[in-house]
Amino acid sequence: MSKGLLLRRVTGKALVIGAALALAVPATAYANTVGVTVRTPGATSGPAAAFAEISTHADCSTGLVAGGGIDQAIGTGTSSNGNKINGTSPSPDGSTEYTGSTGVVGTDVTHWLGIGGSGGAVNASFSSTPYAMCFTSNLINHTQVVMNKVAGPTSASAVGLVTATCPANTRLLGGGARITPADVGSLKPIASFPTFNNAAHDYGRKAAANGETNPDSWTAVGWNGGGGGTGNMTYAYAICSGNGINVGGATVTVRFTEVSGPTAATAGQSATVGCSGSDGKLIGGGAAVSGGSVTITDFTGPGSPGDHLNGDYPSDSGGSPVADGATTAAYWTARAHTGGGSSPSTYTDAWALCADDGV
């Protein structure tokens, strides 16, 4: 046999073996490394007096807050109209609030505040339960809080809308809302939702819609039912990934639902939305009581000045809050309530934020 023929046979065998090896080597393994543990200390009673508030907090022993929530007990009868959310927001230590200068106000925050307020009526059932979404990721290992604020609203049945936007080349992970002062009993945040700082979303006035990805901003809406309060303020908080992290492969998907009601006096309504299997892990959410179509038109207030929120929290598919230490929460629930008057053309809105870090 000639040397040339032998070389061709050997080379041919090598090519076949090489091809077989190429087929046998598996593709690079892929796994979403995002993990979330929900932390809650349980309920704190109050307020026990009219035109007051109580502050409570949930804390992450591991991980960083990507967002958080609050759920309230309100009792029954007309006095149930008096309990309302005054704030659901990040804190550096579990008590201090970010209410000063705007911009990036904190980094790697591990505490979340739930602040419950009262109007003109109270009962012994009032309480607030805070929830912290404690986030871990092999990619996103630092976070930052961006705060923005606006004066108002001061007139009756008026909104004060403000949007906080994440720095360029970061990912929005969650957000929150706050109003001050507590002694204006008709003042409350009626919306806290993800959005985009672009013309299509009117720079935060339209909310992110179901299936949209990578929102970059968070909007808060204050509502002044009875008017008054010249020093009223509304605050928006965006929780963003830290600077210098390559988030090009990370995706945050928005899930949204809108439910009609509540419309009768002294009535409630809830809306629940969740992450699908391909969306990644639930990392936060938002809530609103509104005039409807919040992802299509600029935000409008609900049908009655007494409308308010009593819930904005991680839940199961039926809307029940998850327990402390839950690691598989996949749904977010909004609970809205009317005051003493009927509320035509009112809607309850819920958003879930679902994350896949692409690692």
Protein backbone atom coordinates (compact mmCIF):
# COMPACT_ATOMS: atom_id res chain seq x y z
CA MET A 1 0.00 0.00 0.00
CA SER A 2 1.35 3.41 -0.92
CA LYS A 3 2.14 5.95 1.73
CA GLY A 4 -0.36 8.38 0.13
CA LEU A 5 -3.26 5.89 0.35
CA LEU A 6 -2.41 5.03 3.97
CA LEU A 7 -2.35 8.72 4.90
CA ARG A 8 -5.77 9.29 3.32
CA ARG A 9 -7.27 6.34 5.24
CA VAL A 10 -5.81 7.52 8.58
CA THR A 11 -6.95 11.07 7.97
CA GLY A 12 -10.46 9.88 7.09
CA LYS A 13 -10.72 7.89 10.30
CA ALA A 14 -9.56 10.93 12.29
CA LEU A 15 -12.26 13.07 10.71
CA VAL A 16 -14.96 10.53 11.56
CA ILE A 17 -13.75 10.23 15.16
CA GLY A 18 -13.57 14.03 15.46
CA ALA A 19 -17.11 14.41 14.18
CA ALA A 20 -18.37 11.82 16.65
CA LEU A 21 -16.66 13.59 19.52
CA ALA A 22 -18.17 16.92 18.45
CA LEU A 23 -21.63 15.36 18.54
CA ALA A 24 -21.01 13.83 21.96
CA VAL A 25 -19.84 17.04 23.70
CA PRO A 26 -22.91 18.75 25.28
CA ALA A 27 -23.72 22.42 24.77
CA THR A 28 -22.76 24.87 27.49
CA ALA A 29 -25.11 24.43 30.46
CA TYR A 30 -27.61 27.25 31.06
CA ALA A 31 -29.33 28.10 34.33
CA ASN A 32 -31.05 31.18 35.68
CA THR A 33 -29.21 31.90 38.94
CA VAL A 34 -31.79 34.35 40.30
CA GLY A 35 -33.12 33.32 43.69
CA VAL A 36 -35.66 35.10 45.91
CA THR A 37 -36.60 34.51 49.53
CA VAL A 38 -39.60 36.42 50.93
CA ARG A 39 -39.15 37.76 54.44
CA THR A 40 -41.90 39.12 56.66
CA PRO A 41 -42.05 39.64 60.45
CA GLY A 42 -45.84 39.41 60.57
CA ALA A 43 -48.38 42.09 61.37
CA THR A 44 -47.92 45.29 63.33
CA SER A 45 -51.13 46.69 64.85
CA GLY A 46 -52.42 50.19 64.20
CA PRO A 47 -52.83 52.99 63.64
CA ALA A 48 -54.99 53.31 66.73
CA ALA A 49 -55.77 56.99 66.17
CA ALA A 50 -57.17 58.95 63.23
CA PHE A 51 -54.82 60.83 60.88
CA ALA A 52 -51.77 58.85 62.02
CA GLU A 53 -49.47 56.12 60.73
CA ILE A 54 -47.38 53.18 61.88
CA SER A 55 -44.12 51.99 60.30
CA THR A 56 -42.91 48.41 60.24
CA HIS A 57 -40.15 46.65 58.33
CA ALA A 58 -39.03 43.36 56.77
CA ASP A 59 -35.32 42.55 56.59
CA CYS A 60 -33.08 40.38 54.42
CA SER A 61 -30.58 38.31 56.39
CA THR A 62 -29.09 37.22 53.06
CA GLY A 63 -29.44 38.82 49.65
CA LEU A 64 -30.51 42.34 48.72
CA VAL A 65 -34.01 43.80 48.41
CA ALA A 66 -35.23 43.79 44.82
CA GLY A 67 -38.53 45.17 46.02
CA GLY A 68 -41.15 44.62 48.66
CA GLY A 69 -44.76 44.93 49.62
CA ILE A 70 -47.40 45.44 52.27
CA ASP A 71 -50.70 43.82 53.25
CA GLN A 72 -53.24 45.30 55.64
CA ALA A 73 -56.02 44.03 57.88
CA ILE A 74 -58.92 46.48 57.89
CA GLY A 75 -61.80 44.90 59.83
CA THR A 76 -65.41 45.32 58.78
CA GLY A 77 -68.07 48.01 58.58
CA THR A 78 -67.61 51.63 57.58
CA SER A 79 -64.58 52.04 59.86
CA SER A 80 -62.71 49.64 57.52
CA ASN A 81 -62.50 52.53 55.07
CA GLY A 82 -59.97 54.22 57.34
CA ASN A 83 -56.94 51.93 56.94
CA LYS A 84 -54.73 52.72 53.92
CA ILE A 85 -51.23 52.21 52.64
CA ASN A 86 -49.05 55.27 53.20
CA GLY A 87 -45.81 53.71 51.98
CA THR A 88 -44.03 50.62 50.68
CA SER A 89 -40.41 51.59 50.26
CA PRO A 90 -36.72 50.73 50.81
CA SER A 91 -34.78 51.73 53.91
CA PRO A 92 -31.07 51.62 54.83
CA ASP A 93 -31.73 50.35 58.35
CA GLY A 94 -35.41 49.47 58.81
CA SER A 95 -36.49 52.88 60.08
CA THR A 96 -34.77 55.68 58.12
CA GLU A 97 -36.55 56.86 54.97
CA TYR A 98 -35.12 58.20 51.72
CA THR A 99 -36.95 61.55 51.51
CA GLY A 100 -34.13 64.07 51.02
CA SER A 101 -32.19 64.81 47.85
CA THR A 102 -33.22 62.97 44.71
CA GLY A 103 -31.06 60.62 42.62
CA VAL A 104 -29.15 57.55 43.78
CA VAL A 105 -29.83 57.50 47.52
CA GLY A 106 -28.65 54.05 48.62
CA THR A 107 -26.74 50.93 47.61
CA ASP A 108 -27.10 47.25 48.51
CA VAL A 109 -30.18 47.91 50.65
CA THR A 110 -31.53 45.00 52.74
CA HIS A 111 -34.59 46.53 54.49
CA TRP A 112 -38.15 47.26 53.33
CA LEU A 113 -40.73 49.47 55.03
CA GLY A 114 -44.48 48.92 55.20
CA ILE A 115 -46.23 52.08 56.38
CA GLY A 116 -49.91 52.01 57.28
CA GLY A 117 -51.97 55.17 57.66
CA SER A 118 -55.43 56.12 58.88
CA GLY A 119 -58.07 58.54 57.73
CA GLY A 120 -60.93 59.74 59.88
CA ALA A 121 -61.92 56.30 61.18
CA VAL A 122 -60.04 53.52 62.97
CA ASN A 123 -60.82 50.13 64.49
CA ALA A 124 -58.95 47.55 66.55
CA SER A 125 -58.43 45.27 63.54
CA PHE A 126 -56.07 47.64 61.73
CA SER A 127 -52.58 46.27 61.02
CA SER A 128 -49.86 46.26 58.36
CA THR A 129 -47.55 43.41 57.32
CA PRO A 130 -44.39 44.23 55.31
CA TYR A 131 -42.66 41.91 52.82
CA ALA A 132 -39.07 42.05 51.58
CA MET A 133 -38.09 40.32 48.33
CA CYS A 134 -34.55 39.16 49.15
CA PHE A 135 -32.74 38.73 45.86
CA THR A 136 -29.59 36.80 44.91
CA SER A 137 -27.91 36.33 41.53
CA ASN A 138 -24.48 35.22 40.34
CA LEU A 139 -24.56 38.21 37.97
CA ILE A 140 -26.39 41.01 39.79
CA ASN A 141 -24.62 41.16 43.14
CA HIS A 142 -25.07 44.88 43.82
CA THR A 143 -28.10 47.16 43.73
CA GLN A 144 -28.86 50.86 43.99
CA VAL A 145 -31.94 52.87 44.97
CA VAL A 146 -33.02 55.85 42.85
CA MET A 147 -35.53 58.26 44.42
CA ASN A 148 -37.56 61.03 42.82
CA LYS A 149 -40.26 63.20 44.39
CA VAL A 150 -42.89 65.78 43.53
CA ALA A 151 -44.82 68.29 45.61
CA GLY A 152 -48.51 67.45 45.90
CA PRO A 153 -51.20 66.59 45.27
CA THR A 154 -52.92 69.32 47.28
CA SER A 155 -56.35 69.69 45.65
CA ALA A 156 -59.25 67.24 46.03
CA SER A 157 -59.43 64.19 43.74
CA ALA A 158 -56.07 65.12 42.21
CA VAL A 159 -53.02 62.99 41.43
CA GLY A 160 -49.36 63.67 42.02
CA LEU A 161 -47.33 61.49 39.64
CA VAL A 162 -43.56 61.06 39.84
CA THR A 163 -41.14 58.68 38.12
CA ALA A 164 -37.70 57.42 39.20
CA THR A 165 -35.43 56.15 36.40
CA CYS A 166 -32.53 53.70 36.70
CA PRO A 167 -29.05 54.74 35.51
CA ALA A 168 -28.07 53.73 31.97
CA ASN A 169 -26.90 50.13 31.47
CA THR A 170 -28.66 48.83 34.59
CA ARG A 171 -31.83 46.76 35.08
CA LEU A 172 -34.92 47.78 37.03
CA LEU A 173 -35.62 45.11 39.67
CA GLY A 174 -38.53 46.65 41.58
CA GLY A 175 -39.82 49.80 43.20
CA GLY A 176 -41.99 51.51 45.78
CA ALA A 177 -44.04 54.55 46.73
CA ARG A 178 -44.54 56.87 49.68
CA ILE A 179 -46.59 59.95 50.60
CA THR A 180 -46.14 62.47 53.42
CA PRO A 181 -47.40 63.82 55.78
CA ALA A 182 -49.48 61.28 57.70
CA ASP A 183 -51.84 63.82 59.25
CA VAL A 184 -53.52 64.54 55.91
CA GLY A 185 -55.92 61.62 56.19
CA SER A 186 -57.16 61.81 52.60
CA LEU A 187 -53.63 61.55 51.14
CA LYS A 188 -52.37 58.15 49.95
CA PRO A 189 -50.34 56.48 47.19
CA ILE A 190 -52.84 54.82 44.84
CA ALA A 191 -50.32 53.47 42.31
CA SER A 192 -46.82 52.00 42.29
CA PHE A 193 -45.77 50.41 38.98
CA PRO A 194 -42.99 49.66 36.46
CA THR A 195 -42.73 51.83 33.36
CA PHE A 196 -40.34 53.28 30.79
CA ASN A 197 -38.76 56.70 30.52
CA ASN A 198 -39.68 57.05 26.83
CA ALA A 199 -42.24 58.73 24.59
CA ALA A 200 -44.25 55.53 24.06
CA HIS A 201 -45.01 55.46 27.81
CA ASP A 202 -45.27 59.26 28.07
CA TYR A 203 -42.18 59.26 30.26
CA GLY A 204 -43.72 57.21 33.05
CA ARG A 205 -47.37 58.28 32.85
CA LYS A 206 -48.33 55.02 31.10
CA ALA A 207 -47.50 51.78 32.90
CA ALA A 208 -45.55 48.87 31.47
CA ALA A 209 -47.88 46.41 29.74
CA ASN A 210 -48.15 42.64 29.98
CA GLY A 211 -45.20 40.96 28.25
CA GLU A 212 -43.00 44.05 27.93
CA THR A 213 -39.39 43.51 28.91
CA ASN A 214 -36.71 45.50 30.69
CA PRO A 215 -38.61 48.55 31.99
CA ASP A 216 -36.19 51.19 33.24
CA SER A 217 -38.34 53.26 35.61
CA TRP A 218 -40.82 53.15 38.49
CA THR A 219 -43.81 55.49 38.92
CA ALA A 220 -45.67 56.40 42.10
CA VAL A 221 -49.00 58.23 42.16
CA GLY A 222 -50.29 60.17 45.14
CA TRP A 223 -54.06 60.81 45.48
CA ASN A 224 -55.64 63.49 47.64
CA GLY A 225 -59.20 62.53 48.32
CA GLY A 226 -60.50 65.38 50.43
CA GLY A 227 -58.00 68.08 49.51
CA GLY A 228 -55.82 70.17 51.77
CA GLY A 229 -52.25 69.77 52.90
CA THR A 230 -49.99 72.38 51.32
CA GLY A 231 -46.87 70.37 52.25
CA ASN A 232 -47.96 67.12 50.59
CA MET A 233 -45.23 65.09 48.85
CA THR A 234 -45.21 61.94 46.69
CA TYR A 235 -42.07 59.80 46.36
CA ALA A 236 -41.11 57.12 43.81
CA TYR A 237 -38.34 54.55 44.37
CA ALA A 238 -36.65 52.45 41.68
CA ILE A 239 -34.49 49.48 42.74
CA CYS A 240 -31.85 48.99 40.04
CA SER A 241 -28.88 46.71 39.44
CA GLY A 242 -25.51 48.14 40.42
CA ASN A 243 -23.25 50.04 38.05
CA GLY A 244 -20.57 48.20 36.09
CA ILE A 245 -22.51 44.92 35.76
CA ASN A 246 -23.01 43.59 32.22
CA VAL A 247 -26.76 43.07 32.21
CA GLY A 248 -27.04 42.59 28.44
CA GLY A 249 -28.13 38.97 28.86
CA ALA A 250 -30.49 39.61 31.78
CA THR A 251 -34.22 39.97 31.12
CA VAL A 252 -36.94 41.36 33.38
CA THR A 253 -40.42 40.53 32.08
CA VAL A 254 -43.57 42.39 33.13
CA ARG A 255 -46.82 40.55 33.81
CA PHE A 256 -49.96 42.68 34.23
CA THR A 257 -53.66 42.31 34.86
CA GLU A 258 -56.54 44.76 35.35
CA VAL A 259 -59.84 43.89 37.08
CA SER A 260 -63.00 46.00 37.20
CA GLY A 261 -63.96 47.40 40.61
CA PRO A 262 -64.38 48.11 43.43
CA THR A 263 -67.39 50.30 42.59
CA ALA A 264 -69.74 50.04 45.60
CA ALA A 265 -69.20 52.04 48.79
CA THR A 266 -67.13 50.30 51.49
CA ALA A 267 -66.14 47.51 49.14
CA GLY A 268 -62.94 45.80 48.09
CA GLN A 269 -61.42 44.22 44.98
CA SER A 270 -58.25 42.27 44.31
CA ALA A 271 -56.18 41.45 41.25
CA THR A 272 -53.49 38.75 41.03
CA VAL A 273 -50.92 38.15 38.29
CA GLY A 274 -47.97 35.77 38.08
CA CYS A 275 -44.80 34.78 36.27
CA SER A 276 -44.98 32.00 33.69
CA GLY A 277 -42.41 29.21 33.60
CA SER A 278 -40.30 30.89 30.92
CA ASP A 279 -40.29 34.33 32.60
CA GLY A 280 -37.86 33.53 35.39
CA LYS A 281 -38.34 34.22 39.11
CA LEU A 282 -40.74 36.67 40.72
CA ILE A 283 -38.63 39.52 42.12
CA GLY A 284 -41.25 42.18 42.85
CA GLY A 285 -44.49 43.78 41.81
CA GLY A 286 -46.79 46.76 41.87
CA ALA A 287 -50.39 47.79 42.44
CA ALA A 288 -52.90 50.50 41.60
CA VAL A 289 -56.50 51.58 42.01
CA SER A 290 -57.23 53.62 38.91
CA GLY A 291 -59.54 54.88 36.21
CA GLY A 292 -58.47 51.95 34.03
CA SER A 293 -56.45 51.34 30.84
CA VAL A 294 -53.27 52.30 32.66
CA THR A 295 -50.99 50.68 30.06
CA ILE A 296 -52.75 52.39 27.14
CA THR A 297 -53.41 55.93 28.36
CA ASP A 298 -51.83 58.26 30.90
CA PHE A 299 -52.72 57.30 34.47
CA THR A 300 -56.05 58.63 35.73
CA GLY A 301 -57.46 58.47 39.22
CA PRO A 302 -60.31 56.19 40.30
CA GLY A 303 -63.99 57.11 40.50
CA SER A 304 -64.13 58.25 44.13
CA PRO A 305 -61.92 60.44 46.33
CA GLY A 306 -61.98 57.84 49.11
CA ASP A 307 -60.46 55.01 47.03
CA HIS A 308 -57.19 53.60 48.36
CA LEU A 309 -54.92 50.54 48.43
CA ASN A 310 -54.78 47.95 51.22
CA GLY A 311 -52.50 45.40 49.55
CA ASP A 312 -49.44 45.22 47.30
CA TYR A 313 -47.66 41.95 48.09
CA PRO A 314 -46.26 38.55 46.95
CA SER A 315 -48.96 35.89 46.98
CA ASP A 316 -50.13 32.50 45.81
CA SER A 317 -52.37 32.12 42.76
CA GLY A 318 -55.45 32.74 44.90
CA GLY A 319 -54.19 36.05 46.26
CA SER A 320 -53.21 34.90 49.75
CA PRO A 321 -49.92 36.34 51.05
CA VAL A 322 -46.96 33.95 51.10
CA ALA A 323 -45.32 32.91 54.36
CA ASP A 324 -42.00 34.07 55.78
CA GLY A 325 -39.14 32.19 54.13
CA ALA A 326 -41.03 31.34 50.93
CA THR A 327 -38.66 30.68 48.01
CA THR A 328 -41.15 29.78 45.28
CA ALA A 329 -43.50 32.79 45.26
CA ALA A 330 -44.67 33.36 41.67
CA TYR A 331 -47.64 35.76 41.99
CA TRP A 332 -48.30 39.35 43.02
CA THR A 333 -51.60 40.69 44.39
CA ALA A 334 -53.10 44.18 44.57
CA ARG A 335 -56.01 44.92 46.91
CA ALA A 336 -58.07 48.08 46.49
CA HIS A 337 -60.87 49.51 48.63
CA THR A 338 -63.42 52.29 48.31
CA GLY A 339 -64.39 54.83 50.93
CA GLY A 340 -67.89 55.77 51.97
CA GLY A 341 -69.14 56.59 48.48
CA SER A 342 -69.71 54.62 45.30
CA SER A 343 -66.88 54.60 42.76
CA PRO A 344 -67.95 54.22 39.13
CA SER A 345 -65.41 53.24 36.43
CA THR A 346 -62.80 52.12 38.96
CA TYR A 347 -60.24 49.34 38.37
CA THR A 348 -57.67 47.36 40.34
CA ASP A 349 -54.28 46.75 38.68
CA ALA A 350 -51.46 44.34 39.53
CA TRP A 351 -47.95 43.92 38.08
CA ALA A 352 -45.41 41.13 38.59
CA LEU A 353 -41.74 41.51 37.69
CA CYS A 354 -40.02 38.26 36.65
CA ALA A 355 -36.25 37.98 36.20
CA ASP A 356 -33.84 35.73 34.32
CA ASP A 357 -30.21 36.84 34.72
CA GLY A 358 -29.05 34.90 31.64
CA VAL A 359 -26.18 33.22 33.48
